Amino acid sequence: MKTKFQRRLMREARYAVTKRWWIWIIAGLLPLQALALSGEEVMKKSQAAFLYPGKDFKARVVMKLINKDGQERVRELTMLRKNVGEAGGEQKYFMYFFQPADVKDMTFMTYKYPARDDDRWMFIPAINMVKRIAAQDKRSSFVGSDFTYEDVSGRDLEDDTHALEREEKIGGRDCYVVKSTPKGSDADFGYKLTWVDKANFLPLKEEQYDKKGARYKLFTADEVADVQGIPTVVKRSMKNLQTGHRTEVAYLKSGYNLGIEDSLFTERFLRQPPRKWID
């Protein structure tokens, strides 16, 4: 025969089990938005995974500019990137062009700052001049491609609001779909949708819409590879859906944490970049 104390323990145990079951049932009934990351959290993680991995980065890049008739122009360059602090902080970019002849020996440098305009310079060897690129030109075409100057180093997250629209699969990968809408009226697009891989937070697809709501640009991550243990988009493309022109970018070789010196990112080396870093 159970004592009064034993009966009380059994009642408390049954109550605890019942309480846990109700917690699980209620959690299962909560809307997706209550359990998932917010749109802003997803985009912060995506920014870190796509634009900030490693302390620094180097890639030999082939860029193909392809018109609607299939005619190609090829640009080959070395891209270097160095982080200054944590993900989302300052960065420095340096690019050296090998071909074609009209851009050979041209260099490009960016100082990226969070929450304010970036500084950009380009050395044009034909006229032996370093040109500063105006902040308002950040949405202009980068060396004739479908990528903009802003696409190269990434748009500031603070310039947009980010809302988690839904979750869906793309290419067999589970993704968050985030809608980003510019806060200011001076943006040249209405909004964009980004499909972010739930496993590695890389952007697998991005659709840009104009201010009338028409889709006009499409970014896709065409190949993701493991580079020194870091998931890296090694092939990507940007297509202008209105003109039919597209740009395909491939990394021939790439590496992280190479010890790139801060002194590389100066006007002196824009004119005469050190061979050990551009080859």
Protein backbone atom coordinates (compact mmCIF):
# COMPACT_ATOMS: atom_id res chain seq x y z
CA MET A 1 0.00 0.00 0.00
CA LYS A 2 1.38 3.40 -1.10
CA THR A 3 1.98 6.04 1.49
CA LYS A 4 0.62 9.56 1.23
CA PHE A 5 4.12 10.82 0.33
CA GLN A 6 4.47 8.26 -2.50
CA ARG A 7 1.06 9.18 -3.94
CA ARG A 8 2.06 12.85 -3.97
CA LEU A 9 5.31 12.05 -5.82
CA MET A 10 3.38 10.07 -8.43
CA ARG A 11 0.92 12.96 -8.97
CA GLU A 12 3.81 15.41 -9.39
CA ALA A 13 5.52 13.09 -11.88
CA ARG A 14 2.33 12.73 -13.96
CA TYR A 15 1.88 16.51 -13.90
CA ALA A 16 5.45 17.08 -15.11
CA VAL A 17 4.99 14.64 -18.02
CA THR A 18 1.66 16.22 -18.98
CA LYS A 19 3.19 19.69 -18.82
CA ARG A 20 6.03 18.67 -21.19
CA TRP A 21 3.54 17.23 -23.67
CA TRP A 22 1.53 20.46 -23.68
CA ILE A 23 4.69 22.49 -24.29
CA TRP A 24 5.51 20.37 -27.34
CA ILE A 25 1.92 20.58 -28.64
CA ILE A 26 1.80 24.37 -28.25
CA ALA A 27 5.22 24.77 -29.90
CA GLY A 28 4.01 22.72 -32.84
CA LEU A 29 1.03 25.04 -33.29
CA LEU A 30 3.09 28.24 -33.27
CA PRO A 31 3.48 30.00 -36.64
CA LEU A 32 6.71 29.52 -38.57
CA GLN A 33 7.79 33.10 -37.94
CA ALA A 34 7.80 32.50 -34.17
CA LEU A 35 10.32 29.67 -34.49
CA ALA A 36 12.49 30.73 -37.45
CA LEU A 37 15.21 33.37 -37.66
CA SER A 38 14.12 36.86 -38.60
CA GLY A 39 14.86 38.19 -42.09
CA GLU A 40 17.55 40.48 -40.70
CA GLU A 41 19.22 37.62 -38.81
CA VAL A 42 19.25 35.46 -41.94
CA MET A 43 20.83 38.23 -44.03
CA LYS A 44 23.49 38.93 -41.37
CA LYS A 45 24.48 35.27 -41.38
CA SER A 46 24.44 35.24 -45.18
CA GLN A 47 26.65 38.33 -45.34
CA ALA A 48 29.17 36.67 -43.01
CA ALA A 49 29.19 33.42 -45.01
CA PHE A 50 29.33 35.01 -48.47
CA LEU A 51 31.47 38.13 -48.05
CA TYR A 52 33.51 37.69 -44.85
CA PRO A 53 34.86 34.11 -44.50
CA GLY A 54 38.49 33.87 -43.44
CA LYS A 55 40.75 36.74 -42.44
CA ASP A 56 41.63 37.33 -46.09
CA PHE A 57 40.98 35.77 -49.51
CA LYS A 58 42.55 35.51 -52.96
CA ALA A 59 41.08 34.19 -56.22
CA ARG A 60 42.10 34.00 -59.87
CA VAL A 61 38.92 34.95 -61.67
CA VAL A 62 37.58 34.52 -65.19
CA MET A 63 34.63 36.73 -66.07
CA LYS A 64 32.61 36.14 -69.24
CA LEU A 65 30.37 38.89 -70.59
CA ILE A 66 27.80 37.27 -72.88
CA ASN A 67 25.24 39.15 -74.98
CA LYS A 68 21.80 37.86 -75.99
CA ASP A 69 23.26 36.42 -79.23
CA GLY A 70 25.85 34.36 -77.34
CA GLN A 71 28.88 36.50 -78.23
CA GLU A 72 31.48 36.49 -75.45
CA ARG A 73 34.04 38.88 -74.07
CA VAL A 74 36.43 37.49 -71.46
CA ARG A 75 38.12 39.30 -68.60
CA GLU A 76 40.72 37.66 -66.36
CA LEU A 77 41.78 39.12 -63.03
CA THR A 78 43.09 38.45 -59.55
CA MET A 79 40.89 39.51 -56.64
CA LEU A 80 42.21 40.05 -53.11
CA ARG A 81 40.14 40.80 -50.02
CA LYS A 82 41.17 41.56 -46.44
CA ASN A 83 38.84 41.88 -43.45
CA VAL A 84 39.36 44.56 -40.84
CA GLY A 85 37.72 43.18 -37.70
CA GLU A 86 34.63 41.01 -37.47
CA ALA A 87 31.99 40.06 -40.04
CA GLY A 88 29.98 43.09 -41.06
CA GLY A 89 32.92 45.40 -40.38
CA GLU A 90 35.40 47.16 -42.65
CA GLN A 91 37.03 45.40 -45.60
CA LYS A 92 39.55 46.18 -48.30
CA TYR A 93 39.45 44.84 -51.88
CA PHE A 94 42.12 44.90 -54.58
CA MET A 95 41.77 43.67 -58.18
CA TYR A 96 44.30 43.41 -60.99
CA PHE A 97 43.24 42.77 -64.62
CA PHE A 98 45.30 40.57 -66.95
CA GLN A 99 43.11 40.62 -70.05
CA PRO A 100 41.76 41.70 -72.50
CA ALA A 101 44.18 44.28 -73.87
CA ASP A 102 41.90 47.27 -73.17
CA VAL A 103 41.94 46.57 -69.42
CA LYS A 104 45.37 44.90 -69.01
CA ASP A 105 47.25 46.25 -65.96
CA MET A 106 44.16 48.11 -64.75
CA THR A 107 43.63 47.91 -60.99
CA PHE A 108 40.65 48.55 -58.75
CA MET A 109 40.54 49.10 -54.99
CA THR A 110 37.70 49.44 -52.48
CA TYR A 111 37.63 50.43 -48.83
CA LYS A 112 34.30 49.09 -47.57
CA TYR A 113 32.76 50.72 -44.51
CA PRO A 114 29.62 49.70 -42.61
CA ALA A 115 26.79 52.26 -42.56
CA ARG A 116 28.53 54.83 -44.78
CA ASP A 117 29.69 55.25 -48.37
CA ASP A 118 32.60 53.11 -49.49
CA ASP A 119 35.75 54.56 -51.06
CA ARG A 120 36.66 53.24 -54.53
CA TRP A 121 39.60 53.93 -56.84
CA MET A 122 40.61 52.69 -60.27
CA PHE A 123 44.02 52.98 -61.94
CA ILE A 124 43.75 53.44 -65.72
CA PRO A 125 47.16 52.65 -67.25
CA ALA A 126 46.34 54.09 -70.70
CA ILE A 127 46.32 57.58 -69.21
CA ASN A 128 48.44 56.77 -66.13
CA MET A 129 45.79 58.09 -63.78
CA VAL A 130 44.14 56.97 -60.55
CA LYS A 131 40.45 57.81 -60.72
CA ARG A 132 38.24 58.04 -57.67
CA ILE A 133 34.81 56.50 -58.28
CA ALA A 134 31.99 58.66 -56.94
CA ALA A 135 29.75 57.20 -54.26
CA GLN A 136 26.67 57.73 -56.42
CA ASP A 137 28.20 55.42 -59.06
CA LYS A 138 28.03 52.38 -56.77
CA ARG A 139 25.10 50.95 -58.77
CA SER A 140 26.90 51.47 -62.09
CA SER A 141 28.25 48.55 -64.14
CA PHE A 142 31.55 47.10 -62.96
CA VAL A 143 33.92 47.02 -66.00
CA GLY A 144 31.02 46.47 -68.42
CA SER A 145 29.58 43.45 -66.57
CA ASP A 146 26.08 42.86 -65.20
CA PHE A 147 27.49 43.19 -61.68
CA THR A 148 27.62 46.66 -60.14
CA TYR A 149 30.40 48.16 -58.04
CA GLU A 150 28.14 47.57 -55.04
CA ASP A 151 27.68 43.89 -55.98
CA VAL A 152 31.44 43.36 -55.78
CA SER A 153 31.77 44.21 -52.08
CA GLY A 154 28.13 43.81 -51.04
CA ARG A 155 25.32 46.19 -50.20
CA ASP A 156 25.09 47.49 -46.62
CA LEU A 157 22.43 45.56 -44.72
CA GLU A 158 21.37 48.76 -42.95
CA ASP A 159 20.26 50.26 -46.28
CA ASP A 160 17.29 47.86 -46.49
CA THR A 161 14.60 46.27 -44.37
CA HIS A 162 14.61 42.46 -44.43
CA ALA A 163 11.52 40.29 -44.01
CA LEU A 164 11.40 36.50 -43.97
CA GLU A 165 8.81 35.65 -46.62
CA ARG A 166 8.82 31.84 -46.56
CA GLU A 167 10.97 28.71 -46.62
CA GLU A 168 11.30 26.53 -49.72
CA LYS A 169 13.67 24.24 -51.58
CA ILE A 170 15.85 25.26 -54.49
CA GLY A 171 17.96 22.63 -56.25
CA GLY A 172 17.20 20.22 -53.43
CA ARG A 173 18.51 22.66 -50.80
CA ASP A 174 16.32 24.02 -47.99
CA CYS A 175 16.32 27.82 -48.14
CA TYR A 176 15.06 30.90 -46.38
CA VAL A 177 13.48 33.41 -48.79
CA VAL A 178 14.06 36.99 -47.64
CA LYS A 179 12.55 40.15 -49.13
CA SER A 180 14.84 43.19 -48.88
CA THR A 181 13.33 46.62 -49.50
CA PRO A 182 15.41 49.83 -49.69
CA LYS A 183 14.80 52.29 -46.89
CA GLY A 184 15.67 55.31 -49.02
CA SER A 185 13.95 56.60 -52.15
CA ASP A 186 17.21 57.00 -54.06
CA ALA A 187 17.68 53.26 -54.70
CA ASP A 188 17.41 52.17 -58.34
CA PHE A 189 15.41 49.01 -57.53
CA GLY A 190 12.13 48.33 -55.78
CA TYR A 191 13.04 45.23 -53.79
CA LYS A 192 14.89 41.93 -54.07
CA LEU A 193 14.24 38.35 -53.01
CA THR A 194 17.15 36.22 -51.80
CA TRP A 195 17.17 32.44 -51.39
CA VAL A 196 19.62 31.67 -48.56
CA ASP A 197 20.81 28.11 -47.95
CA LYS A 198 19.67 27.05 -44.47
CA ALA A 199 22.76 24.84 -43.99
CA ASN A 200 25.62 27.20 -44.92
CA PHE A 201 23.79 30.56 -45.33
CA LEU A 202 25.20 31.19 -48.81
CA PRO A 203 22.86 33.05 -51.20
CA LEU A 204 21.88 30.55 -53.90
CA LYS A 205 19.62 32.87 -55.88
CA GLU A 206 18.61 36.51 -55.90
CA GLU A 207 15.92 38.24 -57.93
CA GLN A 208 15.93 42.02 -58.26
CA TYR A 209 12.70 43.87 -59.08
CA ASP A 210 12.36 47.38 -60.47
CA LYS A 211 10.15 50.03 -58.92
CA LYS A 212 7.20 48.89 -61.03
CA GLY A 213 7.49 45.37 -59.60
CA ALA A 214 8.98 43.76 -62.73
CA ARG A 215 11.82 41.27 -62.30
CA TYR A 216 14.88 42.61 -64.11
CA LYS A 217 18.06 40.98 -62.71
CA LEU A 218 18.80 37.42 -61.63
CA PHE A 219 21.80 36.22 -59.61
CA THR A 220 22.54 32.51 -59.22
CA ALA A 221 25.25 30.62 -57.33
CA ASP A 222 26.04 27.99 -59.97
CA GLU A 223 28.64 25.98 -58.03
CA VAL A 224 29.56 25.79 -54.36
CA ALA A 225 32.82 24.06 -53.39
CA ASP A 226 34.71 23.38 -50.19
CA VAL A 227 37.81 25.61 -50.04
CA GLN A 228 39.93 24.91 -46.95
CA GLY A 229 36.82 23.74 -45.13
CA ILE A 230 34.82 26.85 -46.07
CA PRO A 231 31.77 26.55 -48.39
CA THR A 232 32.56 28.96 -51.24
CA VAL A 233 30.60 30.07 -54.30
CA VAL A 234 33.19 29.35 -57.03
CA LYS A 235 30.83 29.92 -59.98
CA ARG A 236 28.14 32.57 -60.15
CA SER A 237 26.19 34.49 -62.77
CA MET A 238 24.18 37.69 -63.07
CA LYS A 239 21.66 38.12 -65.88
CA ASN A 240 19.86 41.22 -67.04
CA LEU A 241 16.41 39.84 -67.83
CA GLN A 242 15.44 42.91 -69.83
CA THR A 243 18.40 42.96 -72.24
CA GLY A 244 19.31 39.25 -72.22
CA HIS A 245 22.94 40.08 -71.38
CA ARG A 246 24.59 38.00 -68.66
CA THR A 247 27.91 37.75 -66.82
CA GLU A 248 29.43 34.46 -65.67
CA VAL A 249 32.18 34.44 -63.05
CA ALA A 250 34.38 31.45 -62.15
CA TYR A 251 37.23 31.09 -59.65
CA LEU A 252 40.07 29.10 -61.25
CA LYS A 253 41.88 28.86 -57.92
CA SER A 254 41.25 30.41 -54.54
CA GLY A 255 42.50 30.41 -50.96
CA TYR A 256 41.89 31.85 -47.50
CA ASN A 257 44.07 33.19 -44.68
CA LEU A 258 47.15 33.92 -46.80
CA GLY A 259 48.52 36.77 -44.69
CA ILE A 260 47.84 39.57 -47.18
CA GLU A 261 49.63 42.71 -46.01
CA ASP A 262 47.62 45.82 -45.27
CA SER A 263 50.19 47.88 -47.18
CA LEU A 264 48.94 46.35 -50.46
CA PHE A 265 45.81 48.49 -50.34
CA THR A 266 47.44 51.83 -51.24
CA GLU A 267 47.62 54.10 -54.28
CA ARG A 268 51.29 53.17 -54.70
CA PHE A 269 50.40 49.53 -55.39
CA LEU A 270 47.45 50.50 -57.56
CA ARG A 271 50.08 51.71 -60.01
CA GLN A 272 52.64 48.96 -59.37
CA PRO A 273 51.03 45.92 -57.70
CA PRO A 274 53.46 43.35 -56.23
CA ARG A 275 53.72 40.26 -58.43
CA LYS A 276 53.59 37.82 -55.51
CA TRP A 277 50.00 38.82 -54.80
CA ILE A 278 48.58 39.18 -58.30
CA ASP A 279 50.13 36.10 -59.97
